[in-house]
């Protein structure tokens, strides 16, 4: 009897990208049993269901033996960028009269403001940076705002001035809102760090995405149930770890950026490397991230999402418009589409441009090698002998054009890698993603170029890996040697890991960082703590 039919504890990992939906089955030793790639569909739920069917068939695994199912998705990112499917949000900022000069949603694009709605209220409250009360909370004003919002919002965002220092006012407002309205509540102290406007933006986006992810999650759970899969569902989050379905529904904004982090985690698992650059080439873009001790390096800068500046944790990733479906132009090349814009990824090889626009998931219909009329990066790689695809003949293109486009692709990759290197020395690079066939076998500035097995499904492998993390970032007033403050931050990080789905017996605090807070009396410190544990059984 085939061992795959009797070994318990299989996992399905799924990653939904803009071009392809990848799925893998891992056994209890986290070895890859099977991996598949299916085109992403306009309704992402259909593509997810098709990928599940395909990977189950390829693996031969009994669906009843799948105990965990993990999904990494760009659904929330796309909703923000496309202004589609967002919920209406009521905003309660606890900061009057000190913060009235800059109202909520200041600087947001008009179309995104319209999608969020008009309910934004400034209420007396908030704290000073040293923890003193800025203004007493006006509870009646909170109730009055709830009366005006009733029936007109899908969620409420509560944002207090310096609430990461003291959450009591936010917690009280959340209690009042819960008693007045039957809608989910997003509190800023649980999402962002210091920096009122960026934290407020992240909290509002989180509230707007609650309905969005709930619809996606319902489709995912239904797809599992309809196939007889008794798996516990998890979502990937943007630090490369997992969270339970309930935790994801409370913090949907944490799924933004999980695509690149899944690829980085998957690349580490497949290659065995712990410190390297990871180059993930998809159908539309190339994402380059940094692998440090087996996890993605987090960005230390504020991150813009759909034109909105936020300050919650995100991976440090550099993206450029080069993918397997990138359109190649040189004069009247391809199907006569318009000339490339100034943003084209012109790597300097004559007047040849590669990207940034792409045929995306339409590559099997529109690429020259597939019988279409558009010259793509994949066609160039096939034509110059840099890659091969079973069952496809290399397309015939003008040799000078092919050489110039191949050189442009090489130069763009080398330049982008160089921007992410810590120094001028050659670095190891792990090459993953379905579009990575467009990368040459040798690149300047690169030491070892690693193409692991199942490289095309590294993102889905990363989604299936079973580590769960909790992270906290708070300001404390240090008393004595500060040990009590560090212990408190460690306890809260461990508790968040448990809530996200970690086995309490395996949770370990892996990092504590302590930074002085400027413009204070020297006793205030910002403490970041991170705890990681294995997936609960």
Protein backbone atom coordinates (compact mmCIF):
# COMPACT_ATOMS: atom_id res chain seq x y z
CA UNK A 1 0.00 0.00 0.00
CA UNK A 2 1.28 3.47 -0.86
CA UNK A 3 2.51 5.17 2.32
CA UNK A 4 0.82 8.39 1.34
CA UNK A 5 -2.60 6.82 1.96
CA UNK A 6 -1.83 5.93 5.57
CA UNK A 7 0.40 8.76 6.83
CA UNK A 8 -1.70 11.23 8.87
CA UNK A 9 -1.25 14.95 9.25
CA UNK A 10 -1.12 16.29 5.69
CA UNK A 11 -1.22 20.02 5.04
CA UNK A 12 -2.43 21.95 2.04
CA UNK A 13 -0.77 25.29 1.33
CA UNK A 14 -2.30 27.70 -1.19
CA UNK A 15 -0.99 31.04 -2.42
CA UNK A 16 -3.16 33.25 -4.62
CA UNK A 17 -1.14 35.56 -6.84
CA UNK A 18 -2.13 37.99 -9.54
CA UNK A 19 -1.23 35.48 -12.28
CA UNK A 20 -1.28 31.99 -10.77
CA UNK A 21 -2.74 30.17 -7.79
CA UNK A 22 -0.22 27.66 -6.41
CA UNK A 23 -1.03 24.72 -4.16
CA UNK A 24 1.11 22.11 -2.41
CA UNK A 25 0.57 19.12 -0.14
CA UNK A 26 3.12 18.63 2.65
CA UNK A 27 3.41 15.51 4.78
CA UNK A 28 3.94 15.48 8.56
CA UNK A 29 7.70 15.90 8.01
CA UNK A 30 6.95 19.04 5.93
CA UNK A 31 8.26 17.35 2.79
CA UNK A 32 6.54 18.29 -0.48
CA UNK A 33 4.28 15.48 -1.70
CA UNK A 34 2.90 17.34 -4.75
CA UNK A 35 2.69 20.87 -6.12
CA UNK A 36 0.50 22.38 -8.84
CA UNK A 37 -0.03 25.74 -10.49
CA UNK A 38 -3.37 26.94 -11.84
CA UNK A 39 -4.36 30.29 -13.38
CA UNK A 40 -5.83 32.80 -10.97
CA UNK A 41 -9.45 33.50 -11.87
CA UNK A 42 -11.47 36.70 -11.74
CA UNK A 43 -13.35 35.15 -8.81
CA UNK A 44 -10.37 34.04 -6.71
CA UNK A 45 -12.51 31.43 -4.94
CA UNK A 46 -12.91 29.49 -8.19
CA UNK A 47 -9.15 29.42 -8.70
CA UNK A 48 -8.58 28.26 -5.12
CA UNK A 49 -11.09 25.43 -5.53
CA UNK A 50 -9.49 24.33 -8.81
CA UNK A 51 -6.03 24.35 -7.23
CA UNK A 52 -7.25 22.22 -4.30
CA UNK A 53 -8.78 19.68 -6.69
CA UNK A 54 -5.61 19.53 -8.79
CA UNK A 55 -3.17 19.12 -5.89
CA UNK A 56 -5.30 16.42 -4.26
CA UNK A 57 -5.37 14.51 -7.54
CA UNK A 58 -1.61 14.94 -8.06
CA UNK A 59 -0.77 13.81 -4.53
CA UNK A 60 -3.17 10.90 -4.27
CA UNK A 61 -3.86 11.92 -0.67
CA UNK A 62 -7.19 11.07 0.91
CA UNK A 63 -8.89 14.43 1.68
CA UNK A 64 -9.94 13.14 5.10
CA UNK A 65 -6.24 12.94 6.10
CA UNK A 66 -5.63 16.67 5.55
CA UNK A 67 -5.54 18.26 9.00
CA UNK A 68 -4.49 21.84 8.18
CA UNK A 69 -5.14 24.14 5.23
CA UNK A 70 -3.25 27.42 4.85
CA UNK A 71 -4.09 30.26 2.49
CA UNK A 72 -1.93 33.19 1.50
CA UNK A 73 -3.87 35.69 -0.55
CA UNK A 74 -3.58 39.12 -2.16
CA UNK A 75 -7.34 39.54 -1.81
CA UNK A 76 -7.10 42.36 0.75
CA UNK A 77 -4.30 44.13 -1.11
CA UNK A 78 -6.32 44.02 -4.33
CA UNK A 79 -9.42 45.35 -2.56
CA UNK A 80 -7.49 48.44 -1.43
CA UNK A 81 -5.71 49.03 -4.74
CA UNK A 82 -8.88 48.52 -6.78
CA UNK A 83 -11.21 50.23 -4.22
CA UNK A 84 -13.46 47.19 -4.46
CA UNK A 85 -15.44 45.35 -1.79
CA UNK A 86 -14.38 47.56 1.11
CA UNK A 87 -16.67 48.03 4.09
CA UNK A 88 -17.90 51.42 5.33
CA UNK A 89 -16.01 52.53 8.42
CA UNK A 90 -16.93 54.78 11.31
CA UNK A 91 -13.83 56.46 12.76
CA UNK A 92 -13.57 57.54 16.40
CA UNK A 93 -10.38 59.45 17.10
CA UNK A 94 -9.74 60.10 20.79
CA UNK A 95 -7.66 63.26 20.61
CA UNK A 96 -9.75 66.44 20.74
CA UNK A 97 -8.98 69.24 21.12
CA UNK A 98 -5.26 68.58 20.48
CA UNK A 99 -5.50 66.88 17.04
CA UNK A 100 -8.26 68.83 15.31
CA UNK A 101 -5.85 70.49 12.85
CA UNK A 102 -5.42 67.25 10.86
CA UNK A 103 -8.70 65.34 10.56
CA UNK A 104 -8.96 61.59 9.94
CA UNK A 105 -8.36 60.42 6.34
CA UNK A 106 -6.32 63.54 5.56
CA UNK A 107 -4.34 62.94 2.36
CA UNK A 108 -6.32 59.87 1.31
CA UNK A 109 -7.26 59.59 -2.40
CA UNK A 110 -10.78 60.87 -2.98
CA UNK A 111 -12.07 57.55 -4.37
CA UNK A 112 -10.82 55.64 -1.33
CA UNK A 113 -12.33 58.19 1.05
CA UNK A 114 -15.64 57.76 -0.76
CA UNK A 115 -15.46 53.98 -0.35
CA UNK A 116 -14.80 54.31 3.40
CA UNK A 117 -17.67 56.75 4.03
CA UNK A 118 -18.18 60.06 5.81
CA UNK A 119 -18.44 59.03 9.47
CA UNK A 120 -15.32 60.39 11.21
CA UNK A 121 -15.52 61.93 14.69
CA UNK A 122 -12.97 63.66 16.91
CA UNK A 123 -13.73 63.02 20.57
CA UNK A 124 -12.10 64.35 23.71
CA UNK A 125 -9.51 61.91 25.01
CA UNK A 126 -5.98 60.62 24.48
CA UNK A 127 -2.71 60.53 26.37
CA UNK A 128 0.60 62.37 26.46
CA UNK A 129 3.76 60.53 25.42
CA UNK A 130 4.69 60.07 29.09
CA UNK A 131 1.35 58.41 29.88
CA UNK A 132 -0.43 61.40 31.42
CA UNK A 133 -4.05 61.93 30.36
CA UNK A 134 -4.27 64.44 27.52
CA UNK A 135 -8.01 64.91 28.03
CA UNK A 136 -10.67 62.90 29.90
CA UNK A 137 -12.70 60.60 27.67
CA UNK A 138 -16.08 62.04 26.63
CA UNK A 139 -18.23 58.92 26.82
CA UNK A 140 -21.44 60.73 25.87
CA UNK A 141 -19.83 61.95 22.65
CA UNK A 142 -18.99 58.33 21.83
CA UNK A 143 -22.62 57.32 22.31
CA UNK A 144 -23.82 60.26 20.20
CA UNK A 145 -21.46 59.26 17.39
CA UNK A 146 -22.75 55.68 17.56
CA UNK A 147 -26.31 56.96 17.17
CA UNK A 148 -25.32 58.82 13.99
CA UNK A 149 -23.42 55.82 12.61
CA UNK A 150 -26.14 53.24 13.30
CA UNK A 151 -27.07 51.40 10.09
CA UNK A 152 -24.52 53.31 8.01
CA UNK A 153 -21.21 51.60 8.85
CA UNK A 154 -19.94 48.03 8.59
CA UNK A 155 -17.16 48.41 11.18
CA UNK A 156 -15.75 50.97 13.61
CA UNK A 157 -12.12 52.05 13.98
CA UNK A 158 -11.08 53.36 17.43
CA UNK A 159 -7.87 55.40 17.49
CA UNK A 160 -6.45 57.05 20.60
CA UNK A 161 -3.54 59.49 20.81
CA UNK A 162 -0.57 57.53 22.20
CA UNK A 163 -2.79 54.51 22.86
CA UNK A 164 0.20 52.12 22.53
CA UNK A 165 1.33 53.66 25.84
CA UNK A 166 -2.06 53.23 27.55
CA UNK A 167 -4.95 51.30 26.01
CA UNK A 168 -7.57 52.00 28.67
CA UNK A 169 -9.47 54.71 26.77
CA UNK A 170 -9.56 52.66 23.56
CA UNK A 171 -10.79 49.65 25.51
CA UNK A 172 -13.56 51.69 27.14
CA UNK A 173 -14.68 53.14 23.81
CA UNK A 174 -14.75 49.64 22.31
CA UNK A 175 -17.03 48.54 25.17
CA UNK A 176 -19.41 51.43 24.51
CA UNK A 177 -19.48 50.81 20.76
CA UNK A 178 -20.14 47.10 21.30
CA UNK A 179 -23.13 47.97 23.49
CA UNK A 180 -24.53 50.45 20.96
CA UNK A 181 -23.77 48.86 17.56
CA UNK A 182 -23.64 45.32 16.21
CA UNK A 183 -20.50 45.76 14.09
CA UNK A 184 -16.86 44.59 14.45
CA UNK A 185 -14.42 46.98 16.13
CA UNK A 186 -10.79 47.64 15.22
CA UNK A 187 -8.53 49.15 17.92
CA UNK A 188 -5.36 50.92 16.85
CA UNK A 189 -3.19 49.84 19.80
CA UNK A 190 -3.50 46.23 18.57
CA UNK A 191 -2.38 47.09 15.05
CA UNK A 192 0.20 49.88 14.75
CA UNK A 193 2.89 51.58 16.77
CA UNK A 194 3.67 55.20 17.62
CA UNK A 195 2.71 57.71 14.95
CA UNK A 196 -0.93 58.75 15.14
CA UNK A 197 -1.78 59.27 11.47
CA UNK A 198 -0.04 56.13 10.16
CA UNK A 199 -1.55 54.01 12.96
CA UNK A 200 -4.97 55.53 12.29
CA UNK A 201 -4.66 54.75 8.58
CA UNK A 202 -3.74 51.12 9.28
CA UNK A 203 -6.64 50.77 11.72
CA UNK A 204 -9.18 52.22 9.27
CA UNK A 205 -7.93 49.91 6.52
CA UNK A 206 -8.19 46.97 8.91
CA UNK A 207 -11.81 47.86 9.70
CA UNK A 208 -12.63 48.31 5.99
CA UNK A 209 -11.20 44.87 5.17
CA UNK A 210 -13.09 42.91 7.81
CA UNK A 211 -16.06 42.29 5.53
CA UNK A 212 -13.75 41.71 2.55
CA UNK A 213 -11.79 38.90 4.16
CA UNK A 214 -14.90 37.40 5.74
CA UNK A 215 -16.32 36.78 2.26
CA UNK A 216 -13.03 35.27 1.06
CA UNK A 217 -12.77 33.09 4.15
CA UNK A 218 -16.33 31.81 3.72
CA UNK A 219 -15.47 30.65 0.20
CA UNK A 220 -12.26 28.97 1.40
CA UNK A 221 -14.03 27.14 4.23
CA UNK A 222 -16.83 26.04 1.86
CA UNK A 223 -14.29 24.72 -0.67
CA UNK A 224 -12.68 22.59 2.05
CA UNK A 225 -16.02 21.36 3.40
CA UNK A 226 -17.40 20.46 -0.04
CA UNK A 227 -14.35 18.24 -0.67
CA UNK A 228 -14.58 16.42 2.64
CA UNK A 229 -11.44 18.08 4.04
CA UNK A 230 -11.70 18.36 7.84
CA UNK A 231 -8.74 20.72 8.01
CA UNK A 232 -8.39 23.67 10.36
CA UNK A 233 -8.07 26.77 8.12
CA UNK A 234 -5.25 29.29 8.61
CA UNK A 235 -4.21 32.47 6.84
CA UNK A 236 -0.68 33.66 6.15
CA UNK A 237 0.33 36.99 7.66
CA UNK A 238 2.89 39.52 6.59
CA UNK A 239 5.71 38.45 8.92
CA UNK A 240 5.94 34.98 7.38
CA UNK A 241 3.88 33.16 10.00
CA UNK A 242 0.31 31.89 10.29
CA UNK A 243 -2.83 32.95 12.13
CA UNK A 244 -6.11 31.20 12.82
CA UNK A 245 -9.22 32.03 10.85
CA UNK A 246 -10.77 33.98 13.74
CA UNK A 247 -7.56 35.97 14.31
CA UNK A 248 -7.34 36.77 10.59
CA UNK A 249 -10.94 38.00 10.56
CA UNK A 250 -10.07 40.36 13.43
CA UNK A 251 -6.85 41.58 11.81
CA UNK A 252 -7.29 41.23 8.02
CA UNK A 253 -4.75 43.99 7.38
CA UNK A 254 -2.03 41.58 8.54
CA UNK A 255 -2.60 39.48 5.39
CA UNK A 256 -1.29 42.34 3.24
CA UNK A 257 2.22 41.50 2.12
CA UNK A 258 1.95 37.81 2.94
CA UNK A 259 2.67 36.84 -0.69
CA UNK A 260 6.35 37.89 -0.66
CA UNK A 261 6.84 36.56 2.87
CA UNK A 262 5.39 33.19 1.90
CA UNK A 263 7.90 32.98 -0.94
CA UNK A 264 10.79 33.90 1.36
CA UNK A 265 9.77 31.32 3.98
CA UNK A 266 9.19 28.69 1.30
CA UNK A 267 12.55 29.42 -0.30
CA UNK A 268 14.27 28.96 3.07
CA UNK A 269 12.50 25.63 3.65
CA UNK A 270 13.14 24.23 0.16
CA UNK A 271 16.80 25.32 -0.02
CA UNK A 272 17.83 24.83 3.60
CA UNK A 273 19.41 28.31 3.61
CA UNK A 274 18.91 30.67 6.54
CA UNK A 275 20.56 33.88 5.29
CA UNK A 276 20.26 34.93 1.64
CA UNK A 277 18.43 37.13 -0.83
CA UNK A 278 15.24 35.58 -2.20
CA UNK A 279 14.27 36.55 -5.76
CA UNK A 280 10.65 35.63 -6.47
CA UNK A 281 9.70 36.09 -10.11
CA UNK A 282 6.01 35.75 -10.84
CA UNK A 283 3.97 36.51 -13.91
CA UNK A 284 3.95 40.29 -13.44
CA UNK A 285 6.57 41.36 -10.89
CA UNK A 286 9.84 40.35 -9.30
CA UNK A 287 9.93 40.64 -5.50
CA UNK A 288 13.30 40.59 -3.75
CA UNK A 289 13.40 40.05 0.00
CA UNK A 290 16.03 39.34 2.63
CA UNK A 291 16.14 36.08 4.55
CA UNK A 292 17.58 36.50 8.07
CA UNK A 293 17.77 33.47 10.38
CA UNK A 294 15.11 31.74 8.30
CA UNK A 295 12.54 34.57 8.45
CA UNK A 296 11.87 37.60 6.23
CA UNK A 297 13.52 40.83 7.33
CA UNK A 298 10.89 43.36 8.39
CA UNK A 299 10.85 46.90 7.02
CA UNK A 300 11.83 49.67 9.43
CA UNK A 301 10.07 52.33 7.37
CA UNK A 302 6.46 53.44 7.02
CA UNK A 303 4.77 51.52 4.21
CA UNK A 304 2.34 52.88 1.63
CA UNK A 305 -0.58 50.64 0.65
CA UNK A 306 -2.78 51.87 -2.18
CA UNK A 307 -1.49 55.41 -1.62
CA UNK A 308 -2.06 55.28 2.18
CA UNK A 309 0.85 55.65 4.59
CA UNK A 310 0.79 53.08 7.42
CA UNK A 311 3.17 51.92 10.17
CA UNK A 312 2.30 48.31 10.93
CA UNK A 313 4.80 45.52 10.30
CA UNK A 314 5.56 44.66 6.69
CA UNK A 315 8.34 42.68 4.97
CA UNK A 316 11.31 44.55 3.54
CA UNK A 317 10.70 43.79 -0.13
CA UNK A 318 11.71 45.58 -3.32
CA UNK A 319 9.44 44.99 -6.32
CA UNK A 320 10.08 45.70 -10.00
CA UNK A 321 7.97 45.14 -13.08
CA UNK A 322 9.61 42.02 -14.47
CA UNK A 323 7.75 38.71 -14.70
CA UNK A 324 7.16 35.81 -17.02
CA UNK A 325 4.30 37.69 -18.68
CA UNK A 326 6.08 41.06 -18.99
CA UNK A 327 5.51 42.58 -22.42
CA UNK A 328 8.64 43.19 -24.50
CA UNK A 329 8.66 46.13 -26.92
CA UNK A 330 11.09 47.48 -29.49
CA UNK A 331 9.35 49.72 -31.99
CA UNK A 332 6.36 47.81 -33.39
CA UNK A 333 6.80 44.60 -31.43
CA UNK A 334 4.06 42.20 -30.43
CA UNK A 335 0.37 42.79 -31.09
CA UNK A 336 0.49 46.52 -31.67
CA UNK A 337 -0.31 47.59 -28.12
CA UNK A 338 0.69 51.12 -27.16
CA UNK A 339 4.31 52.08 -26.64
CA UNK A 340 5.78 51.70 -23.19
CA UNK A 341 5.57 54.58 -20.72
CA UNK A 342 8.39 56.33 -18.88
CA UNK A 343 7.89 53.76 -16.10
CA UNK A 344 8.89 50.92 -18.43
CA UNK A 345 11.71 48.73 -17.11
CA UNK A 346 14.18 49.94 -19.72
CA UNK A 347 17.45 48.31 -18.75
CA UNK A 348 19.44 50.23 -21.31
CA UNK A 349 19.71 47.63 -24.10
CA UNK A 350 18.97 49.89 -27.03
CA UNK A 351 15.33 50.92 -27.24
CA UNK A 352 14.06 47.55 -25.97
CA UNK A 353 11.78 47.75 -22.95
CA UNK A 354 10.62 44.88 -20.75
CA UNK A 355 7.47 45.56 -18.72
CA UNK A 356 6.25 46.84 -16.39
CA UNK A 357 2.90 45.87 -17.93
CA UNK A 358 2.21 42.17 -18.27
CA UNK A 359 -0.26 39.78 -19.86
CA UNK A 360 -0.45 38.16 -16.41
CA UNK A 361 -2.63 35.08 -16.19
CA UNK A 362 -3.38 35.41 -19.93
CA UNK A 363 0.17 34.25 -20.80
CA UNK A 364 -1.01 30.78 -22.01
CA UNK A 365 -3.32 32.52 -24.49
CA UNK A 366 -1.34 35.62 -25.51
CA UNK A 367 2.36 34.63 -25.41
CA UNK A 368 4.01 33.92 -28.78
CA UNK A 369 5.20 30.48 -27.68
CA UNK A 370 1.61 29.55 -26.84
CA UNK A 371 0.22 30.69 -30.20
CA UNK A 372 -0.62 34.26 -29.20
CA UNK A 373 0.55 37.57 -30.67
CA UNK A 374 2.33 39.27 -27.76
CA UNK A 375 6.08 39.04 -27.19
CA UNK A 376 6.75 38.36 -23.52
CA UNK A 377 9.77 37.79 -21.28
CA UNK A 378 9.01 34.05 -21.33
CA UNK A 379 9.16 34.06 -25.14
CA UNK A 380 12.55 35.78 -25.02
CA UNK A 381 13.94 33.25 -22.52
CA UNK A 382 12.76 30.37 -24.71
CA UNK A 383 14.04 31.94 -27.94
CA UNK A 384 17.59 32.58 -26.67
CA UNK A 385 17.88 29.15 -25.06
CA UNK A 386 17.78 30.46 -21.50
CA UNK A 387 14.80 28.26 -20.63
CA UNK A 388 12.64 25.42 -21.92
CA UNK A 389 9.06 24.32 -21.32
CA UNK A 390 7.98 20.75 -22.02
CA UNK A 391 5.75 20.56 -25.07
CA UNK A 392 6.59 24.04 -26.38
CA UNK A 393 8.83 25.01 -29.26
CA UNK A 394 10.85 28.22 -28.86
CA UNK A 395 9.22 31.08 -30.76
CA UNK A 396 11.07 32.59 -33.70
CA UNK A 397 12.03 36.21 -33.06
CA UNK A 398 14.64 38.50 -34.58
CA UNK A 399 18.01 37.48 -33.04
CA UNK A 400 19.12 41.04 -32.26
CA UNK A 401 15.84 41.76 -30.51
CA UNK A 402 16.08 38.56 -28.47
CA UNK A 403 19.65 39.27 -27.37
CA UNK A 404 18.84 42.88 -26.46
CA UNK A 405 15.75 41.89 -24.44
CA UNK A 406 17.65 39.10 -22.64
CA UNK A 407 20.39 41.59 -21.75
CA UNK A 408 17.79 44.07 -20.50
CA UNK A 409 16.20 41.41 -18.27
CA UNK A 410 19.61 40.39 -16.91
CA UNK A 411 20.60 44.00 -16.17
CA UNK A 412 17.30 44.79 -14.45
CA UNK A 413 17.68 41.75 -12.17
CA UNK A 414 21.31 42.56 -11.38
CA UNK A 415 20.54 46.19 -10.58
CA UNK A 416 17.61 45.27 -8.34
CA UNK A 417 19.62 42.62 -6.46
CA UNK A 418 22.42 45.15 -5.99
CA UNK A 419 19.98 47.57 -4.33
CA UNK A 420 19.07 44.94 -1.71
CA UNK A 421 22.58 43.69 -0.94
CA UNK A 422 24.05 44.70 2.44
CA UNK A 423 27.46 45.33 0.85
CA UNK A 424 29.39 44.93 -2.39
CA UNK A 425 30.37 41.31 -1.73
CA UNK A 426 28.64 38.54 -3.74
CA UNK A 427 25.60 37.15 -1.92
CA UNK A 428 23.75 33.83 -2.15
CA UNK A 429 20.46 34.14 -4.03
CA UNK A 430 17.54 31.72 -3.92
CA UNK A 431 15.55 31.89 -7.14
CA UNK A 432 11.86 30.92 -6.88
CA UNK A 433 8.54 31.61 -8.55
CA UNK A 434 6.90 30.33 -11.69
CA UNK A 435 8.41 33.16 -13.73
CA UNK A 436 11.98 32.47 -12.63
CA UNK A 437 12.72 30.71 -15.90
CA UNK A 438 13.31 34.21 -17.30
CA UNK A 439 16.38 34.62 -15.05
CA UNK A 440 19.85 33.75 -16.43
CA UNK A 441 21.89 31.02 -14.72
CA UNK A 442 24.59 33.53 -13.78
CA UNK A 443 24.16 37.06 -12.44
CA UNK A 444 26.79 39.65 -11.55
CA UNK A 445 27.18 40.23 -7.81
CA UNK A 446 25.66 36.85 -6.94
CA UNK A 447 27.60 34.07 -5.23
CA UNK A 448 25.57 30.86 -5.18
CA UNK A 449 22.44 30.92 -7.35
CA UNK A 450 20.10 28.32 -5.86
CA UNK A 451 17.07 26.93 -7.72
CA UNK A 452 15.50 24.46 -5.25
CA UNK A 453 13.13 21.66 -6.15
CA UNK A 454 9.50 22.84 -6.39
CA UNK A 455 10.80 26.41 -6.84
CA UNK A 456 7.66 27.34 -8.74
CA UNK A 457 5.48 26.68 -5.68
CA UNK A 458 7.72 28.18 -2.99
CA UNK A 459 4.98 30.65 -2.07
CA UNK A 460 2.50 27.85 -1.38
CA UNK A 461 5.13 25.93 0.59
CA UNK A 462 5.72 29.03 2.70
CA UNK A 463 1.99 29.33 3.33
CA UNK A 464 1.88 25.73 4.58
CA UNK A 465 4.72 25.96 7.07
CA UNK A 466 3.35 25.77 10.56
CA UNK A 467 4.93 28.45 12.72
CA UNK A 468 2.77 31.04 14.44
CA UNK A 469 4.01 34.32 15.88
CA UNK A 470 2.82 37.12 18.11
CA UNK A 471 4.37 40.56 18.18
CA UNK A 472 3.90 43.56 20.44
CA UNK A 473 5.28 47.09 20.27
CA UNK A 474 4.57 49.30 23.28
CA UNK A 475 6.00 52.24 25.18
CA UNK A 476 6.79 51.68 28.86
CA UNK A 477 8.00 53.93 31.65
CA UNK A 478 11.00 52.06 32.97
CA UNK A 479 11.34 51.52 36.71
CA UNK A 480 14.67 50.17 37.96
CA UNK A 481 16.46 47.96 35.45
CA UNK A 482 13.38 47.65 33.20
CA UNK A 483 13.07 43.88 33.60
CA UNK A 484 9.39 44.13 34.57
CA UNK A 485 8.63 46.05 31.35
CA UNK A 486 10.46 43.54 29.19
CA UNK A 487 8.72 40.66 30.94
CA UNK A 488 5.33 42.29 30.36
CA UNK A 489 6.04 42.77 26.65
CA UNK A 490 7.22 39.17 26.38
CA UNK A 491 4.03 37.90 28.08
CA UNK A 492 1.83 39.92 25.74
CA UNK A 493 3.72 38.73 22.64
CA UNK A 494 3.35 35.13 23.84
CA UNK A 495 -0.36 35.68 24.44
CA UNK A 496 -0.82 37.06 20.94
CA UNK A 497 0.99 34.02 19.52
CA UNK A 498 -1.40 31.76 21.44
CA UNK A 499 -4.42 33.68 20.13
CA UNK A 500 -3.06 33.40 16.59
CA UNK A 501 -2.99 29.60 16.91
CA UNK A 502 0.33 28.57 18.47
CA UNK A 503 0.65 25.60 20.82
CA UNK A 504 1.25 27.25 24.24
CA UNK A 505 3.79 24.57 25.19
CA UNK A 506 6.02 25.48 22.23
CA UNK A 507 5.89 29.29 22.39
CA UNK A 508 9.28 30.92 22.76
CA UNK A 509 10.20 34.61 22.89
CA UNK A 510 12.76 34.95 20.12
CA UNK A 511 13.47 38.70 20.17
CA UNK A 512 13.14 41.67 22.48
CA UNK A 513 14.26 45.10 21.30
CA UNK A 514 14.38 48.16 23.54
CA UNK A 515 14.70 51.70 22.14
CA UNK A 516 14.69 55.07 23.93
CA UNK A 517 11.78 57.39 23.12
CA UNK A 518 12.77 60.90 22.07
CA UNK A 519 11.40 64.06 23.71
CA UNK A 520 10.80 62.39 27.08
CA UNK A 521 12.47 62.49 30.47
CA UNK A 522 14.59 59.46 29.63
CA UNK A 523 12.41 56.92 31.42
CA UNK A 524 10.19 56.05 28.43
CA UNK A 525 11.33 53.19 26.17
CA UNK A 526 9.77 51.50 23.15
CA UNK A 527 9.89 47.72 23.54
CA UNK A 528 9.28 45.32 20.65
CA UNK A 529 8.84 41.67 21.56
CA UNK A 530 8.27 38.70 19.25
CA UNK A 531 7.22 35.19 20.25
CA UNK A 532 7.03 32.14 17.96
CA UNK A 533 5.44 28.73 18.48
CA UNK A 534 4.48 25.65 16.53
CA UNK A 535 1.04 25.21 15.07
CA UNK A 536 -1.39 23.86 17.64
CA UNK A 537 -2.63 20.34 16.96
